[in-house]
Amino acid sequence: MTQRLRFLTGRFQVDHRPAVDVPPPGEEWLSVVRAPEGLTVVRAAEAGEEAAWVALYSGDTAHDLDVPGMLAALLVPLRDAGVSVFVCSTFHADVVLVPEDARAEAAAALRAAGHEVAE
């Protein structure tokens, strides 16, 4: 399943907040997921923060929830290239975060698998 992906602007951090009653931070977050162990927040990275992520968005090839294999089509090539991922899914698309220093490698792996990746 060929998909059109684009890198979102900016760098991101993935944080864990153990208290489930802690509200998400201001407006600088991309995704917030509440689970029994707390909140996972994907937020804009601040200047100087290490271990930042960049985000690939598959919204240009939006799909319904019942379409199988859309996320796997992205994750398998990244796994095969040894690129770590953190995934946030929306109703119609997926956001695949990869380490900032693996940006070029991730884009190359996805292109080699037949996907379009816009910088």
N, C-alpha and C. Protein backbone atom coordinates (compact mmCIF):
# COMPACT_ATOMS: atom_id res chain seq x y z
N MET A 1 0.83 -1.18 0.00
CA MET A 1 0.00 0.00 0.00
C MET A 1 0.88 1.25 0.00
N THR A 2 1.05 1.83 -1.15
CA THR A 2 1.86 3.02 -1.27
C THR A 2 1.15 4.19 -0.57
N GLN A 3 1.93 4.94 0.22
CA GLN A 3 1.37 6.08 0.93
C GLN A 3 2.22 7.31 0.65
N ARG A 4 1.54 8.47 0.74
CA ARG A 4 2.23 9.75 0.64
C ARG A 4 2.43 10.28 2.05
N LEU A 5 3.67 10.51 2.41
CA LEU A 5 4.02 10.98 3.75
C LEU A 5 4.70 12.33 3.65
N ARG A 6 4.60 13.09 4.73
CA ARG A 6 5.34 14.34 4.80
C ARG A 6 5.83 14.53 6.22
N PHE A 7 7.01 15.13 6.32
CA PHE A 7 7.53 15.45 7.64
C PHE A 7 6.78 16.67 8.18
N LEU A 8 6.32 16.59 9.40
CA LEU A 8 5.73 17.74 10.05
C LEU A 8 6.85 18.69 10.48
N THR A 9 6.54 19.95 10.55
CA THR A 9 7.52 20.95 10.95
C THR A 9 7.85 20.79 12.43
N GLY A 10 9.11 20.87 12.74
CA GLY A 10 9.53 20.88 14.14
C GLY A 10 10.13 19.59 14.62
N ARG A 11 10.51 19.62 15.90
CA ARG A 11 11.09 18.48 16.61
C ARG A 11 10.17 18.19 17.78
N PHE A 12 10.13 16.94 18.20
CA PHE A 12 9.19 16.54 19.23
C PHE A 12 9.88 15.74 20.33
N GLN A 13 9.25 15.73 21.50
CA GLN A 13 9.67 14.91 22.63
C GLN A 13 8.49 14.03 23.03
N VAL A 14 8.80 12.87 23.57
CA VAL A 14 7.78 11.96 24.10
C VAL A 14 7.99 11.90 25.61
N ASP A 15 6.98 12.32 26.35
CA ASP A 15 7.06 12.36 27.81
C ASP A 15 6.03 11.42 28.43
N HIS A 16 6.36 10.93 29.61
CA HIS A 16 5.41 10.15 30.41
C HIS A 16 5.09 10.95 31.66
N ARG A 17 3.82 11.09 31.96
CA ARG A 17 3.36 11.78 33.17
C ARG A 17 2.57 10.78 33.99
N PRO A 18 3.10 10.34 35.13
CA PRO A 18 2.49 9.24 35.86
C PRO A 18 1.10 9.51 36.42
N ALA A 19 0.78 10.72 36.77
CA ALA A 19 -0.55 10.99 37.35
C ALA A 19 -1.57 11.18 36.23
N VAL A 20 -2.61 10.35 36.25
CA VAL A 20 -3.60 10.43 35.16
C VAL A 20 -4.46 11.67 35.24
N ASP A 21 -4.44 12.38 36.36
CA ASP A 21 -5.26 13.58 36.46
C ASP A 21 -4.49 14.85 36.09
N VAL A 22 -3.26 14.69 35.61
CA VAL A 22 -2.47 15.83 35.17
C VAL A 22 -2.94 16.25 33.78
N PRO A 23 -3.33 17.50 33.60
CA PRO A 23 -3.78 17.92 32.27
C PRO A 23 -2.61 17.98 31.29
N PRO A 24 -2.88 17.85 30.01
CA PRO A 24 -1.80 17.97 29.03
C PRO A 24 -1.23 19.38 29.05
N PRO A 25 0.01 19.52 28.59
CA PRO A 25 0.64 20.85 28.60
C PRO A 25 0.00 21.77 27.58
N GLY A 26 -0.02 23.06 27.84
CA GLY A 26 -0.49 24.12 26.94
C GLY A 26 -0.90 23.71 25.55
N GLU A 27 -0.49 24.48 24.59
CA GLU A 27 -0.87 24.25 23.20
C GLU A 27 0.22 23.57 22.39
N GLU A 28 1.35 23.27 22.97
CA GLU A 28 2.49 22.77 22.22
C GLU A 28 2.56 21.25 22.15
N TRP A 29 1.42 20.56 22.22
CA TRP A 29 1.46 19.11 22.14
C TRP A 29 0.85 18.63 20.83
N LEU A 30 1.35 17.49 20.38
CA LEU A 30 0.87 16.86 19.15
C LEU A 30 -0.12 15.75 19.46
N SER A 31 0.14 15.00 20.54
CA SER A 31 -0.71 13.87 20.91
C SER A 31 -0.67 13.68 22.42
N VAL A 32 -1.82 13.31 22.97
CA VAL A 32 -1.91 12.97 24.39
C VAL A 32 -2.74 11.70 24.49
N VAL A 33 -2.18 10.69 25.15
CA VAL A 33 -2.90 9.43 25.33
C VAL A 33 -2.96 9.13 26.83
N ARG A 34 -4.16 8.90 27.33
CA ARG A 34 -4.36 8.55 28.73
C ARG A 34 -4.47 7.04 28.85
N ALA A 35 -3.69 6.48 29.76
CA ALA A 35 -3.72 5.04 30.02
C ALA A 35 -3.70 4.85 31.54
N PRO A 36 -3.92 3.64 32.03
CA PRO A 36 -3.94 3.43 33.48
C PRO A 36 -2.66 3.90 34.18
N GLU A 37 -1.52 3.84 33.50
CA GLU A 37 -0.27 4.23 34.15
C GLU A 37 0.03 5.72 34.02
N GLY A 38 -0.81 6.48 33.35
CA GLY A 38 -0.62 7.92 33.24
C GLY A 38 -0.82 8.43 31.83
N LEU A 39 -0.26 9.61 31.56
CA LEU A 39 -0.37 10.23 30.25
C LEU A 39 0.93 10.07 29.48
N THR A 40 0.79 9.82 28.19
CA THR A 40 1.92 9.91 27.28
C THR A 40 1.65 11.14 26.44
N VAL A 41 2.61 12.05 26.44
CA VAL A 41 2.46 13.32 25.74
C VAL A 41 3.56 13.45 24.69
N VAL A 42 3.16 13.69 23.44
CA VAL A 42 4.11 14.03 22.39
C VAL A 42 3.98 15.53 22.22
N ARG A 43 5.08 16.23 22.50
CA ARG A 43 5.04 17.69 22.51
C ARG A 43 6.19 18.27 21.72
N ALA A 44 6.07 19.53 21.39
CA ALA A 44 7.15 20.24 20.71
C ALA A 44 8.39 20.23 21.60
N ALA A 45 9.53 19.92 21.01
CA ALA A 45 10.79 19.93 21.77
C ALA A 45 11.23 21.37 21.96
N GLU A 46 11.80 21.60 23.12
CA GLU A 46 12.35 22.93 23.41
C GLU A 46 13.79 22.99 22.91
N ALA A 47 14.26 24.18 22.64
CA ALA A 47 15.64 24.36 22.18
C ALA A 47 16.61 23.70 23.14
N GLY A 48 17.54 22.95 22.61
CA GLY A 48 18.56 22.31 23.43
C GLY A 48 18.20 20.95 23.98
N GLU A 49 16.95 20.53 23.86
CA GLU A 49 16.58 19.20 24.35
C GLU A 49 17.19 18.13 23.45
N GLU A 50 17.75 17.13 24.07
CA GLU A 50 18.33 16.03 23.32
C GLU A 50 17.29 14.96 23.05
N ALA A 51 17.67 13.97 22.28
CA ALA A 51 16.82 12.82 21.97
C ALA A 51 15.49 13.23 21.35
N ALA A 52 15.52 14.22 20.47
CA ALA A 52 14.30 14.67 19.82
C ALA A 52 13.88 13.71 18.70
N TRP A 53 12.63 13.78 18.37
CA TRP A 53 12.02 12.99 17.31
C TRP A 53 11.53 13.92 16.21
N VAL A 54 11.42 13.40 14.99
CA VAL A 54 10.74 14.09 13.90
C VAL A 54 9.55 13.23 13.51
N ALA A 55 8.54 13.87 12.93
CA ALA A 55 7.27 13.18 12.70
C ALA A 55 6.92 13.10 11.22
N LEU A 56 6.60 11.89 10.78
CA LEU A 56 6.08 11.64 9.44
C LEU A 56 4.56 11.49 9.55
N TYR A 57 3.83 12.19 8.70
CA TYR A 57 2.37 12.17 8.74
C TYR A 57 1.83 11.53 7.46
N SER A 58 0.92 10.58 7.61
CA SER A 58 0.37 9.87 6.46
C SER A 58 -0.99 10.40 6.03
N GLY A 59 -1.36 11.58 6.48
CA GLY A 59 -2.68 12.13 6.22
C GLY A 59 -2.98 12.42 4.76
N ASP A 60 -1.95 12.50 3.93
CA ASP A 60 -2.19 12.74 2.51
C ASP A 60 -2.78 11.51 1.83
N THR A 61 -2.71 10.37 2.49
CA THR A 61 -3.37 9.15 2.01
C THR A 61 -4.28 8.64 3.12
N ALA A 62 -5.17 9.51 3.57
CA ALA A 62 -6.09 9.18 4.66
C ALA A 62 -6.88 7.91 4.33
N HIS A 63 -7.24 7.20 5.40
CA HIS A 63 -7.94 5.93 5.21
C HIS A 63 -8.93 5.72 6.35
N ASP A 64 -9.91 4.87 6.11
CA ASP A 64 -10.87 4.52 7.15
C ASP A 64 -10.24 3.55 8.14
N LEU A 65 -10.88 3.39 9.28
CA LEU A 65 -10.36 2.51 10.33
C LEU A 65 -10.32 1.04 9.93
N ASP A 66 -11.13 0.65 8.96
CA ASP A 66 -11.21 -0.77 8.60
C ASP A 66 -10.26 -1.17 7.46
N VAL A 67 -9.32 -0.31 7.10
CA VAL A 67 -8.35 -0.64 6.05
C VAL A 67 -7.13 -1.28 6.71
N PRO A 68 -6.94 -2.57 6.50
CA PRO A 68 -5.82 -3.25 7.16
C PRO A 68 -4.47 -2.97 6.49
N GLY A 69 -3.42 -2.98 7.29
CA GLY A 69 -2.08 -2.94 6.76
C GLY A 69 -1.47 -1.59 6.51
N MET A 70 -2.20 -0.51 6.73
CA MET A 70 -1.66 0.82 6.43
C MET A 70 -0.46 1.16 7.31
N LEU A 71 -0.58 0.93 8.60
CA LEU A 71 0.53 1.22 9.50
C LEU A 71 1.66 0.22 9.32
N ALA A 72 1.33 -1.04 9.14
CA ALA A 72 2.36 -2.07 8.93
C ALA A 72 3.20 -1.76 7.69
N ALA A 73 2.57 -1.20 6.66
CA ALA A 73 3.30 -0.87 5.43
C ALA A 73 4.38 0.17 5.69
N LEU A 74 4.23 0.96 6.75
CA LEU A 74 5.25 1.95 7.11
C LEU A 74 6.26 1.38 8.10
N LEU A 75 5.76 0.60 9.04
CA LEU A 75 6.63 0.13 10.13
C LEU A 75 7.59 -0.97 9.70
N VAL A 76 7.18 -1.84 8.80
CA VAL A 76 8.06 -2.94 8.38
C VAL A 76 9.34 -2.41 7.73
N PRO A 77 9.26 -1.48 6.77
CA PRO A 77 10.51 -0.97 6.19
C PRO A 77 11.39 -0.25 7.22
N LEU A 78 10.77 0.44 8.17
CA LEU A 78 11.54 1.11 9.21
C LEU A 78 12.20 0.10 10.13
N ARG A 79 11.48 -0.95 10.47
CA ARG A 79 12.08 -2.02 11.29
C ARG A 79 13.25 -2.65 10.56
N ASP A 80 13.05 -2.95 9.29
CA ASP A 80 14.10 -3.59 8.50
C ASP A 80 15.35 -2.71 8.39
N ALA A 81 15.16 -1.38 8.46
CA ALA A 81 16.28 -0.45 8.40
C ALA A 81 16.86 -0.17 9.79
N GLY A 82 16.26 -0.76 10.82
CA GLY A 82 16.75 -0.56 12.18
C GLY A 82 16.42 0.80 12.77
N VAL A 83 15.34 1.41 12.29
CA VAL A 83 14.93 2.73 12.76
C VAL A 83 13.85 2.56 13.84
N SER A 84 14.10 3.13 15.01
CA SER A 84 13.12 3.11 16.10
C SER A 84 11.94 4.00 15.75
N VAL A 85 10.77 3.68 16.29
CA VAL A 85 9.57 4.47 16.02
C VAL A 85 8.75 4.66 17.29
N PHE A 86 7.96 5.71 17.28
CA PHE A 86 6.88 5.92 18.25
C PHE A 86 5.70 6.34 17.41
N VAL A 87 4.54 5.72 17.60
CA VAL A 87 3.40 5.94 16.71
C VAL A 87 2.22 6.55 17.46
N CYS A 88 1.59 7.53 16.82
CA CYS A 88 0.32 8.09 17.27
C CYS A 88 -0.64 7.96 16.09
N SER A 89 -1.78 7.38 16.33
CA SER A 89 -2.75 7.24 15.24
C SER A 89 -3.92 8.18 15.44
N THR A 90 -4.45 8.65 14.32
CA THR A 90 -5.64 9.48 14.34
C THR A 90 -6.76 8.68 13.68
N PHE A 91 -7.91 9.28 13.53
CA PHE A 91 -9.04 8.58 12.93
C PHE A 91 -8.74 8.18 11.49
N HIS A 92 -8.03 9.03 10.74
CA HIS A 92 -7.79 8.80 9.32
C HIS A 92 -6.34 8.55 8.92
N ALA A 93 -5.42 8.71 9.85
CA ALA A 93 -4.02 8.65 9.45
C ALA A 93 -3.15 8.28 10.64
N ASP A 94 -1.86 8.18 10.38
CA ASP A 94 -0.89 7.84 11.42
C ASP A 94 0.22 8.88 11.44
N VAL A 95 0.76 9.10 12.61
CA VAL A 95 1.94 9.92 12.80
C VAL A 95 3.02 8.98 13.30
N VAL A 96 4.08 8.83 12.52
CA VAL A 96 5.18 7.94 12.88
C VAL A 96 6.38 8.82 13.22
N LEU A 97 6.76 8.78 14.49
CA LEU A 97 7.92 9.55 14.93
C LEU A 97 9.16 8.67 14.84
N VAL A 98 10.23 9.26 14.34
CA VAL A 98 11.52 8.58 14.24
C VAL A 98 12.56 9.48 14.89
N PRO A 99 13.64 8.91 15.41
CA PRO A 99 14.68 9.76 16.01
C PRO A 99 15.19 10.78 14.99
N GLU A 100 15.42 11.98 15.46
CA GLU A 100 15.86 13.06 14.58
C GLU A 100 17.10 12.68 13.79
N ASP A 101 18.03 11.96 14.42
CA ASP A 101 19.26 11.60 13.72
C ASP A 101 19.07 10.45 12.73
N ALA A 102 17.87 9.88 12.67
CA ALA A 102 17.58 8.82 11.71
C ALA A 102 16.62 9.30 10.61
N ARG A 103 16.42 10.61 10.52
CA ARG A 103 15.48 11.17 9.54
C ARG A 103 15.80 10.73 8.11
N ALA A 104 17.01 10.92 7.67
CA ALA A 104 17.38 10.58 6.30
C ALA A 104 17.27 9.08 6.07
N GLU A 105 17.70 8.29 7.02
CA GLU A 105 17.62 6.83 6.90
C GLU A 105 16.17 6.36 6.83
N ALA A 106 15.29 6.96 7.63
CA ALA A 106 13.87 6.60 7.61
C ALA A 106 13.25 6.96 6.27
N ALA A 107 13.52 8.16 5.78
CA ALA A 107 12.97 8.58 4.49
C ALA A 107 13.45 7.66 3.37
N ALA A 108 14.73 7.30 3.39
CA ALA A 108 15.27 6.41 2.36
C ALA A 108 14.62 5.03 2.43
N ALA A 109 14.43 4.50 3.62
CA ALA A 109 13.81 3.18 3.77
C ALA A 109 12.37 3.19 3.27
N LEU A 110 11.63 4.26 3.58
CA LEU A 110 10.24 4.34 3.13
C LEU A 110 10.16 4.53 1.62
N ARG A 111 11.05 5.33 1.06
CA ARG A 111 11.07 5.50 -0.40
C ARG A 111 11.43 4.18 -1.09
N ALA A 112 12.38 3.45 -0.53
CA ALA A 112 12.77 2.15 -1.12
C ALA A 112 11.62 1.15 -1.09
N ALA A 113 10.71 1.33 -0.13
CA ALA A 113 9.54 0.46 -0.02
C ALA A 113 8.39 0.94 -0.92
N GLY A 114 8.62 2.02 -1.66
CA GLY A 114 7.62 2.50 -2.62
C GLY A 114 6.77 3.66 -2.16
N HIS A 115 7.02 4.18 -0.98
CA HIS A 115 6.24 5.30 -0.47
C HIS A 115 6.83 6.63 -0.96
N GLU A 116 5.99 7.65 -1.02
CA GLU A 116 6.44 9.00 -1.34
C GLU A 116 6.68 9.72 -0.02
N VAL A 117 7.83 10.37 0.11
CA VAL A 117 8.15 11.11 1.33
C VAL A 117 8.55 12.52 0.94
N ALA A 118 7.78 13.50 1.38
CA ALA A 118 8.07 14.91 1.12
C ALA A 118 8.84 15.47 2.29
N GLU A 119 9.89 16.19 2.00
CA GLU A 119 10.67 16.84 3.05
C GLU A 119 9.96 18.11 3.42
